[in-house]
């Protein structure tokens, strides 16, 4: 019920008709990774949130929490609470595998398969997209979407 309402709100946002929030978020993540403004991993995110929460455009969290991993649940709850307290929008990703594929493919292309990804890059329990100097259409779309649904934290599906 809420998902349909959120999708209708997203469709009403000014942007190209063919772009949805999933595609806009994917584009934003890819651009943020290329611009070195994507923070990956709960520890790296915690450091940035402590030092400069105002620099964060959006927080990305996985929607599904492994029920057997209490540590993961506690970390995610604390990150969510901090973001809400500092008015940082939160979006939850429905499929962590698509997120990993999106980021891995982009990193492999950027590194030409020569460099090994950093250890923290494997931790997709939390991602922070920092504010760009100039917002792209996708950044603007994601920002406006977040402003409209700030308290509902919808689960976003990324395209393949």
N, C-alpha and C. Protein backbone atom coordinates (compact mmCIF):
# COMPACT_ATOMS: atom_id res chain seq x y z
N UNK A 1 0.82 -1.18 0.00
CA UNK A 1 0.00 0.00 0.00
C UNK A 1 0.88 1.25 0.00
N UNK A 2 1.81 1.32 0.96
CA UNK A 2 2.70 2.48 1.04
C UNK A 2 3.61 2.52 -0.19
N UNK A 3 4.08 1.35 -0.64
CA UNK A 3 4.97 1.31 -1.80
C UNK A 3 4.33 1.92 -3.03
N UNK A 4 3.06 1.63 -3.26
CA UNK A 4 2.37 2.20 -4.42
C UNK A 4 2.26 3.71 -4.29
N UNK A 5 2.00 4.19 -3.08
CA UNK A 5 1.90 5.63 -2.85
C UNK A 5 3.25 6.30 -3.09
N UNK A 6 4.32 5.67 -2.63
CA UNK A 6 5.67 6.22 -2.80
C UNK A 6 6.03 6.25 -4.28
N UNK A 7 5.69 5.19 -5.00
CA UNK A 7 5.98 5.15 -6.44
C UNK A 7 5.25 6.26 -7.18
N UNK A 8 3.98 6.51 -6.81
CA UNK A 8 3.22 7.60 -7.44
C UNK A 8 3.87 8.94 -7.14
N UNK A 9 4.36 9.12 -5.89
CA UNK A 9 5.03 10.37 -5.53
C UNK A 9 6.31 10.52 -6.34
N UNK A 10 7.06 9.43 -6.49
CA UNK A 10 8.31 9.49 -7.24
C UNK A 10 8.05 9.83 -8.69
N UNK A 11 6.97 9.28 -9.25
CA UNK A 11 6.64 9.57 -10.64
C UNK A 11 6.27 11.03 -10.84
N UNK A 12 5.77 11.68 -9.79
CA UNK A 12 5.36 13.08 -9.89
C UNK A 12 6.55 14.03 -9.83
N UNK A 13 7.72 13.53 -9.41
CA UNK A 13 8.89 14.39 -9.33
C UNK A 13 9.34 14.80 -10.73
N UNK A 14 9.83 16.02 -10.86
CA UNK A 14 10.26 16.48 -12.18
C UNK A 14 11.55 15.82 -12.62
N UNK A 15 11.50 15.04 -13.66
CA UNK A 15 12.67 14.41 -14.24
C UNK A 15 12.19 13.64 -15.47
N UNK A 16 13.11 13.01 -16.14
CA UNK A 16 12.75 12.25 -17.31
C UNK A 16 11.75 11.17 -16.91
N UNK A 17 10.76 10.94 -17.75
CA UNK A 17 9.71 9.98 -17.42
C UNK A 17 10.24 8.56 -17.31
N UNK A 18 11.31 8.21 -18.01
CA UNK A 18 11.82 6.85 -18.00
C UNK A 18 12.63 6.52 -16.75
N UNK A 19 12.95 7.49 -15.92
CA UNK A 19 13.77 7.26 -14.75
C UNK A 19 12.88 7.08 -13.53
N UNK A 20 13.15 6.02 -12.75
CA UNK A 20 12.46 5.83 -11.49
C UNK A 20 13.47 5.98 -10.36
N UNK A 21 13.01 5.87 -9.14
CA UNK A 21 13.91 6.10 -8.01
C UNK A 21 15.04 5.06 -7.97
N UNK A 22 14.75 3.82 -8.36
CA UNK A 22 15.79 2.80 -8.38
C UNK A 22 16.91 3.15 -9.34
N UNK A 23 16.53 3.58 -10.56
CA UNK A 23 17.52 3.95 -11.56
C UNK A 23 18.27 5.22 -11.13
N UNK A 24 17.55 6.19 -10.59
CA UNK A 24 18.21 7.42 -10.13
C UNK A 24 19.20 7.13 -9.01
N UNK A 25 18.81 6.25 -8.08
CA UNK A 25 19.71 5.90 -6.98
C UNK A 25 20.93 5.16 -7.51
N UNK A 26 20.73 4.25 -8.44
CA UNK A 26 21.86 3.53 -9.05
C UNK A 26 22.81 4.51 -9.72
N UNK A 27 22.27 5.44 -10.51
CA UNK A 27 23.10 6.45 -11.17
C UNK A 27 23.85 7.30 -10.15
N UNK A 28 23.17 7.67 -9.07
CA UNK A 28 23.81 8.46 -8.02
C UNK A 28 24.94 7.68 -7.37
N UNK A 29 24.72 6.40 -7.09
CA UNK A 29 25.76 5.57 -6.47
C UNK A 29 26.97 5.43 -7.39
N UNK A 30 26.72 5.20 -8.67
CA UNK A 30 27.82 5.05 -9.62
C UNK A 30 28.62 6.35 -9.73
N UNK A 31 27.91 7.47 -9.82
CA UNK A 31 28.60 8.76 -9.91
C UNK A 31 29.35 9.08 -8.62
N UNK A 32 28.73 8.79 -7.48
CA UNK A 32 29.38 9.03 -6.18
C UNK A 32 30.64 8.19 -6.05
N UNK A 33 30.59 6.95 -6.51
CA UNK A 33 31.77 6.09 -6.47
C UNK A 33 32.88 6.66 -7.36
N UNK A 34 32.51 7.11 -8.54
CA UNK A 34 33.49 7.69 -9.47
C UNK A 34 34.08 8.99 -8.92
N UNK A 35 33.27 9.77 -8.19
CA UNK A 35 33.71 11.05 -7.63
C UNK A 35 34.38 10.90 -6.27
N UNK A 36 34.51 9.68 -5.79
CA UNK A 36 35.10 9.39 -4.47
C UNK A 36 34.33 10.09 -3.35
N UNK A 37 32.99 10.03 -3.44
CA UNK A 37 32.16 10.60 -2.39
C UNK A 37 31.17 9.57 -1.86
N UNK A 38 31.53 8.29 -2.05
CA UNK A 38 30.74 7.19 -1.52
C UNK A 38 31.54 6.53 -0.40
N UNK A 39 30.96 6.49 0.78
CA UNK A 39 31.60 5.88 1.93
C UNK A 39 30.93 4.52 2.14
N UNK A 40 31.77 3.47 2.19
CA UNK A 40 31.26 2.10 2.25
C UNK A 40 31.74 1.43 3.53
N UNK A 41 30.82 0.77 4.23
CA UNK A 41 31.18 0.03 5.43
C UNK A 41 30.77 0.77 6.68
N UNK A 42 30.28 0.03 7.65
CA UNK A 42 29.72 0.65 8.85
C UNK A 42 30.76 1.45 9.63
N UNK A 43 32.00 0.98 9.71
CA UNK A 43 33.01 1.71 10.48
C UNK A 43 33.40 3.02 9.78
N UNK A 44 33.59 2.97 8.47
CA UNK A 44 33.91 4.19 7.72
C UNK A 44 32.76 5.18 7.79
N UNK A 45 31.54 4.67 7.71
CA UNK A 45 30.36 5.53 7.79
C UNK A 45 30.25 6.17 9.17
N UNK A 46 30.51 5.40 10.21
CA UNK A 46 30.45 5.93 11.57
C UNK A 46 31.45 7.07 11.75
N UNK A 47 32.64 6.91 11.19
CA UNK A 47 33.66 7.97 11.29
C UNK A 47 33.18 9.25 10.62
N UNK A 48 32.63 9.12 9.40
CA UNK A 48 32.14 10.30 8.69
C UNK A 48 30.97 10.94 9.43
N UNK A 49 30.05 10.12 9.92
CA UNK A 49 28.89 10.65 10.65
C UNK A 49 29.32 11.40 11.91
N UNK A 50 30.37 10.94 12.55
CA UNK A 50 30.87 11.60 13.75
C UNK A 50 31.52 12.94 13.41
N UNK A 51 32.27 12.97 12.33
CA UNK A 51 33.04 14.16 11.96
C UNK A 51 32.20 15.19 11.20
N UNK A 52 31.41 14.71 10.23
CA UNK A 52 30.76 15.65 9.32
C UNK A 52 29.39 15.16 8.84
N UNK A 53 28.41 15.05 9.73
CA UNK A 53 27.10 14.56 9.29
C UNK A 53 26.42 15.46 8.27
N UNK A 54 26.74 16.74 8.26
CA UNK A 54 26.12 17.67 7.32
C UNK A 54 26.59 17.45 5.88
N UNK A 55 27.66 16.67 5.69
CA UNK A 55 28.16 16.41 4.34
C UNK A 55 27.46 15.24 3.67
N UNK A 56 26.55 14.57 4.39
CA UNK A 56 25.90 13.37 3.87
C UNK A 56 24.60 13.72 3.15
N UNK A 57 24.50 13.27 1.91
CA UNK A 57 23.29 13.49 1.11
C UNK A 57 22.23 12.43 1.44
N UNK A 58 22.66 11.16 1.54
CA UNK A 58 21.73 10.07 1.82
C UNK A 58 22.49 8.88 2.41
N UNK A 59 21.81 8.15 3.28
CA UNK A 59 22.33 6.93 3.88
C UNK A 59 21.62 5.75 3.23
N UNK A 60 22.38 4.76 2.81
CA UNK A 60 21.82 3.57 2.16
C UNK A 60 22.05 2.38 3.08
N UNK A 61 20.97 1.66 3.40
CA UNK A 61 21.05 0.49 4.26
C UNK A 61 20.33 -0.68 3.59
N UNK A 62 20.78 -1.91 3.86
CA UNK A 62 20.04 -3.07 3.32
C UNK A 62 18.71 -3.21 4.06
N UNK A 63 17.67 -3.61 3.33
CA UNK A 63 16.35 -3.75 3.94
C UNK A 63 16.24 -5.01 4.77
N UNK A 64 16.93 -6.06 4.36
CA UNK A 64 16.83 -7.32 5.10
C UNK A 64 17.99 -7.43 6.08
N UNK A 65 17.64 -7.76 7.30
CA UNK A 65 18.62 -7.94 8.36
C UNK A 65 18.67 -9.42 8.69
N UNK A 66 19.86 -10.03 8.61
CA UNK A 66 19.94 -11.44 8.99
C UNK A 66 19.48 -11.60 10.44
N UNK A 67 18.47 -12.43 10.66
CA UNK A 67 17.87 -12.56 11.99
C UNK A 67 18.84 -13.12 13.01
N UNK A 68 19.82 -13.86 12.58
CA UNK A 68 20.76 -14.48 13.52
C UNK A 68 21.93 -13.55 13.87
N UNK A 69 22.06 -12.42 13.21
CA UNK A 69 23.19 -11.52 13.44
C UNK A 69 22.76 -10.31 14.26
N UNK A 70 22.87 -10.42 15.58
CA UNK A 70 22.45 -9.35 16.48
C UNK A 70 23.33 -8.12 16.30
N UNK A 71 24.61 -8.31 16.06
CA UNK A 71 25.53 -7.19 15.87
C UNK A 71 25.10 -6.33 14.69
N UNK A 72 24.77 -6.98 13.59
CA UNK A 72 24.32 -6.28 12.39
C UNK A 72 23.07 -5.46 12.70
N UNK A 73 22.13 -6.07 13.40
CA UNK A 73 20.88 -5.38 13.74
C UNK A 73 21.15 -4.16 14.63
N UNK A 74 22.02 -4.31 15.60
CA UNK A 74 22.34 -3.20 16.51
C UNK A 74 23.03 -2.08 15.74
N UNK A 75 24.00 -2.42 14.91
CA UNK A 75 24.71 -1.41 14.12
C UNK A 75 23.75 -0.64 13.23
N UNK A 76 22.87 -1.36 12.55
CA UNK A 76 21.93 -0.71 11.65
C UNK A 76 20.97 0.18 12.43
N UNK A 77 20.51 -0.27 13.56
CA UNK A 77 19.60 0.53 14.39
C UNK A 77 20.27 1.82 14.84
N UNK A 78 21.53 1.73 15.25
CA UNK A 78 22.26 2.92 15.70
C UNK A 78 22.50 3.90 14.55
N UNK A 79 22.86 3.37 13.39
CA UNK A 79 23.07 4.24 12.22
C UNK A 79 21.77 4.93 11.85
N UNK A 80 20.67 4.18 11.82
CA UNK A 80 19.37 4.77 11.50
C UNK A 80 19.01 5.88 12.48
N UNK A 81 19.19 5.60 13.77
CA UNK A 81 18.85 6.60 14.80
C UNK A 81 19.70 7.86 14.64
N UNK A 82 20.98 7.69 14.38
CA UNK A 82 21.86 8.84 14.20
C UNK A 82 21.42 9.66 13.00
N UNK A 83 21.11 8.97 11.90
CA UNK A 83 20.69 9.67 10.68
C UNK A 83 19.38 10.42 10.90
N UNK A 84 18.43 9.80 11.57
CA UNK A 84 17.16 10.48 11.85
C UNK A 84 17.40 11.70 12.72
N UNK A 85 18.24 11.55 13.74
CA UNK A 85 18.53 12.66 14.64
C UNK A 85 19.17 13.84 13.91
N UNK A 86 19.97 13.55 12.88
CA UNK A 86 20.67 14.60 12.13
C UNK A 86 20.00 14.92 10.79
N UNK A 87 18.76 14.46 10.62
CA UNK A 87 17.97 14.74 9.41
C UNK A 87 18.66 14.28 8.13
N UNK A 88 19.32 13.13 8.20
CA UNK A 88 19.95 12.53 7.03
C UNK A 88 18.96 11.52 6.45
N UNK A 89 18.57 11.68 5.19
CA UNK A 89 17.62 10.73 4.60
C UNK A 89 18.19 9.31 4.56
N UNK A 90 17.31 8.34 4.75
CA UNK A 90 17.68 6.93 4.74
C UNK A 90 16.87 6.24 3.66
N UNK A 91 17.57 5.48 2.81
CA UNK A 91 16.91 4.63 1.83
C UNK A 91 17.38 3.21 2.07
N UNK A 92 16.45 2.27 2.01
CA UNK A 92 16.80 0.87 2.20
C UNK A 92 16.77 0.15 0.86
N UNK A 93 17.80 -0.62 0.61
CA UNK A 93 17.94 -1.36 -0.63
C UNK A 93 17.37 -2.76 -0.44
N UNK A 94 16.49 -3.15 -1.36
CA UNK A 94 15.83 -4.43 -1.27
C UNK A 94 16.73 -5.61 -1.60
N UNK A 95 17.66 -5.44 -2.53
CA UNK A 95 18.50 -6.54 -2.97
C UNK A 95 19.97 -6.15 -2.85
N UNK A 96 20.61 -6.63 -1.80
CA UNK A 96 22.02 -6.29 -1.56
C UNK A 96 22.93 -6.85 -2.65
N UNK A 97 22.51 -7.95 -3.28
CA UNK A 97 23.34 -8.52 -4.34
C UNK A 97 23.42 -7.58 -5.55
N UNK A 98 22.31 -6.94 -5.90
CA UNK A 98 22.33 -5.97 -7.00
C UNK A 98 23.22 -4.78 -6.65
N UNK A 99 23.16 -4.37 -5.39
CA UNK A 99 24.01 -3.27 -4.94
C UNK A 99 25.48 -3.66 -5.07
N UNK A 100 25.82 -4.86 -4.61
CA UNK A 100 27.20 -5.33 -4.70
C UNK A 100 27.64 -5.43 -6.15
N UNK A 101 26.77 -5.94 -7.03
CA UNK A 101 27.11 -6.04 -8.46
C UNK A 101 27.34 -4.67 -9.06
N UNK A 102 26.49 -3.71 -8.73
CA UNK A 102 26.62 -2.35 -9.27
C UNK A 102 27.95 -1.75 -8.86
N UNK A 103 28.30 -1.86 -7.60
CA UNK A 103 29.54 -1.25 -7.11
C UNK A 103 30.77 -2.01 -7.58
N UNK A 104 30.70 -3.33 -7.63
CA UNK A 104 31.84 -4.14 -8.07
C UNK A 104 32.15 -3.91 -9.53
N UNK A 105 31.11 -3.89 -10.37
CA UNK A 105 31.32 -3.66 -11.80
C UNK A 105 31.96 -2.30 -12.03
N UNK A 106 31.50 -1.30 -11.30
CA UNK A 106 32.03 0.05 -11.46
C UNK A 106 33.46 0.14 -10.97
N UNK A 107 33.76 -0.51 -9.84
CA UNK A 107 35.13 -0.48 -9.31
C UNK A 107 36.07 -1.22 -10.24
N UNK A 108 35.61 -2.38 -10.76
CA UNK A 108 36.46 -3.14 -11.68
C UNK A 108 36.79 -2.32 -12.92
N UNK A 109 35.81 -1.61 -13.43
CA UNK A 109 36.04 -0.77 -14.62
C UNK A 109 37.01 0.36 -14.29
N UNK A 110 36.85 0.96 -13.12
CA UNK A 110 37.71 2.07 -12.73
C UNK A 110 39.13 1.61 -12.43
N UNK A 111 39.26 0.42 -11.85
CA UNK A 111 40.58 -0.10 -11.48
C UNK A 111 41.24 -0.90 -12.58
N UNK A 112 40.53 -1.14 -13.68
CA UNK A 112 41.02 -1.98 -14.77
C UNK A 112 41.47 -3.34 -14.27
N UNK A 113 40.82 -3.82 -13.19
CA UNK A 113 41.10 -5.11 -12.58
C UNK A 113 42.53 -5.23 -12.07
N UNK A 114 43.25 -4.14 -11.90
CA UNK A 114 44.62 -4.19 -11.42
C UNK A 114 44.73 -4.05 -9.91
N UNK A 115 43.87 -3.24 -9.32
CA UNK A 115 43.93 -3.00 -7.89
C UNK A 115 42.92 -3.87 -7.18
N UNK A 116 43.30 -4.32 -5.99
CA UNK A 116 42.36 -5.08 -5.17
C UNK A 116 41.47 -4.09 -4.43
N UNK A 117 40.16 -4.39 -4.33
CA UNK A 117 39.30 -3.49 -3.56
C UNK A 117 39.70 -3.51 -2.10
N UNK A 118 39.52 -2.40 -1.44
CA UNK A 118 39.85 -2.32 -0.03
C UNK A 118 38.94 -3.22 0.76
N UNK A 119 39.43 -3.70 1.91
CA UNK A 119 38.67 -4.62 2.75
C UNK A 119 37.32 -4.05 3.15
N UNK A 120 37.24 -2.76 3.51
CA UNK A 120 36.00 -2.14 3.93
C UNK A 120 34.97 -2.06 2.83
N UNK A 121 35.41 -2.15 1.56
CA UNK A 121 34.49 -2.06 0.43
C UNK A 121 33.55 -3.26 0.35
N UNK A 122 33.89 -4.36 1.05
CA UNK A 122 33.05 -5.55 1.03
C UNK A 122 31.88 -5.42 1.98
N UNK A 123 31.94 -4.51 2.93
CA UNK A 123 30.92 -4.33 3.94
C UNK A 123 29.84 -3.40 3.41
N UNK A 124 28.75 -3.98 2.92
CA UNK A 124 27.66 -3.18 2.36
C UNK A 124 26.52 -3.01 3.36
N UNK A 125 26.85 -3.09 4.65
CA UNK A 125 25.83 -2.91 5.69
C UNK A 125 25.43 -1.46 5.84
N UNK A 126 26.25 -0.56 5.32
CA UNK A 126 25.94 0.87 5.38
C UNK A 126 26.75 1.59 4.30
N UNK A 127 26.08 2.48 3.59
CA UNK A 127 26.75 3.33 2.61
C UNK A 127 26.27 4.76 2.82
N UNK A 128 27.16 5.69 2.67
CA UNK A 128 26.80 7.09 2.73
C UNK A 128 27.22 7.77 1.44
N UNK A 129 26.31 8.50 0.86
CA UNK A 129 26.61 9.30 -0.33
C UNK A 129 26.79 10.73 0.16
N UNK A 130 27.98 11.26 -0.06
CA UNK A 130 28.25 12.64 0.34
C UNK A 130 27.69 13.61 -0.70
N UNK A 131 27.41 14.80 -0.24
CA UNK A 131 26.89 15.84 -1.13
C UNK A 131 27.91 16.18 -2.21
N UNK A 132 27.45 16.30 -3.46
CA UNK A 132 28.35 16.72 -4.54
C UNK A 132 28.47 18.23 -4.56
N UNK A 133 29.47 18.71 -5.26
CA UNK A 133 29.60 20.16 -5.45
C UNK A 133 28.43 20.68 -6.27
N UNK A 134 28.09 19.93 -7.33
CA UNK A 134 26.96 20.27 -8.19
C UNK A 134 26.13 19.01 -8.34
N UNK A 135 24.83 19.11 -8.02
CA UNK A 135 23.96 17.94 -8.09
C UNK A 135 23.58 17.63 -9.54
N UNK A 136 23.71 16.34 -9.88
CA UNK A 136 23.24 15.87 -11.18
C UNK A 136 21.73 15.72 -11.13
N UNK A 137 21.12 15.38 -12.27
CA UNK A 137 19.67 15.15 -12.30
C UNK A 137 19.31 14.00 -11.36
N UNK A 138 20.14 12.94 -11.35
CA UNK A 138 19.87 11.80 -10.48
C UNK A 138 19.98 12.19 -9.02
N UNK A 139 21.02 12.96 -8.68
CA UNK A 139 21.18 13.43 -7.30
C UNK A 139 19.96 14.25 -6.87
N UNK A 140 19.53 15.12 -7.74
CA UNK A 140 18.37 15.97 -7.44
C UNK A 140 17.11 15.12 -7.27
N UNK A 141 16.93 14.13 -8.13
CA UNK A 141 15.78 13.24 -8.06
C UNK A 141 15.77 12.49 -6.73
N UNK A 142 16.92 11.94 -6.35
CA UNK A 142 17.03 11.20 -5.09
C UNK A 142 16.77 12.13 -3.91
N UNK A 143 17.33 13.32 -3.94
CA UNK A 143 17.14 14.29 -2.86
C UNK A 143 15.67 14.67 -2.71
N UNK A 144 15.02 14.97 -3.81
CA UNK A 144 13.61 15.35 -3.75
C UNK A 144 12.74 14.18 -3.31
N UNK A 145 13.07 12.98 -3.77
CA UNK A 145 12.34 11.79 -3.34
C UNK A 145 12.46 11.63 -1.82
N UNK A 146 13.67 11.78 -1.31
CA UNK A 146 13.91 11.64 0.13
C UNK A 146 13.16 12.69 0.93
N UNK A 147 13.11 13.90 0.41
CA UNK A 147 12.38 14.97 1.10
C UNK A 147 10.90 14.64 1.22
N UNK A 148 10.36 13.99 0.21
CA UNK A 148 8.93 13.68 0.21
C UNK A 148 8.57 12.48 1.09
N UNK A 149 9.50 11.56 1.27
CA UNK A 149 9.18 10.34 2.02
C UNK A 149 10.07 10.20 3.25
N UNK A 150 10.55 11.28 3.80
CA UNK A 150 11.59 11.27 4.82
C UNK A 150 11.35 10.26 5.94
N UNK A 151 10.18 10.11 6.46
CA UNK A 151 9.98 9.25 7.62
C UNK A 151 9.57 7.82 7.29
N UNK A 152 9.32 7.48 6.05
CA UNK A 152 8.84 6.12 5.75
C UNK A 152 9.94 5.12 5.44
N UNK A 153 11.12 5.53 5.05
CA UNK A 153 12.26 4.67 4.72
C UNK A 153 11.87 3.51 3.81
N UNK A 154 11.50 3.81 2.58
CA UNK A 154 11.06 2.74 1.67
C UNK A 154 12.21 1.84 1.24
N UNK A 155 11.87 0.64 0.81
CA UNK A 155 12.83 -0.30 0.25
C UNK A 155 12.90 -0.03 -1.25
N UNK A 156 14.09 0.23 -1.78
CA UNK A 156 14.30 0.58 -3.18
C UNK A 156 14.86 -0.62 -3.93
N UNK A 157 14.31 -0.88 -5.10
CA UNK A 157 14.83 -1.95 -5.96
C UNK A 157 15.72 -1.33 -7.03
N UNK A 158 16.96 -1.77 -7.09
CA UNK A 158 17.88 -1.30 -8.12
C UNK A 158 17.71 -2.15 -9.38
N UNK A 159 17.81 -1.54 -10.54
CA UNK A 159 17.73 -2.34 -11.77
C UNK A 159 19.04 -3.11 -11.97
N UNK A 160 18.97 -4.13 -12.75
CA UNK A 160 20.17 -4.96 -13.01
C UNK A 160 21.07 -4.28 -13.98
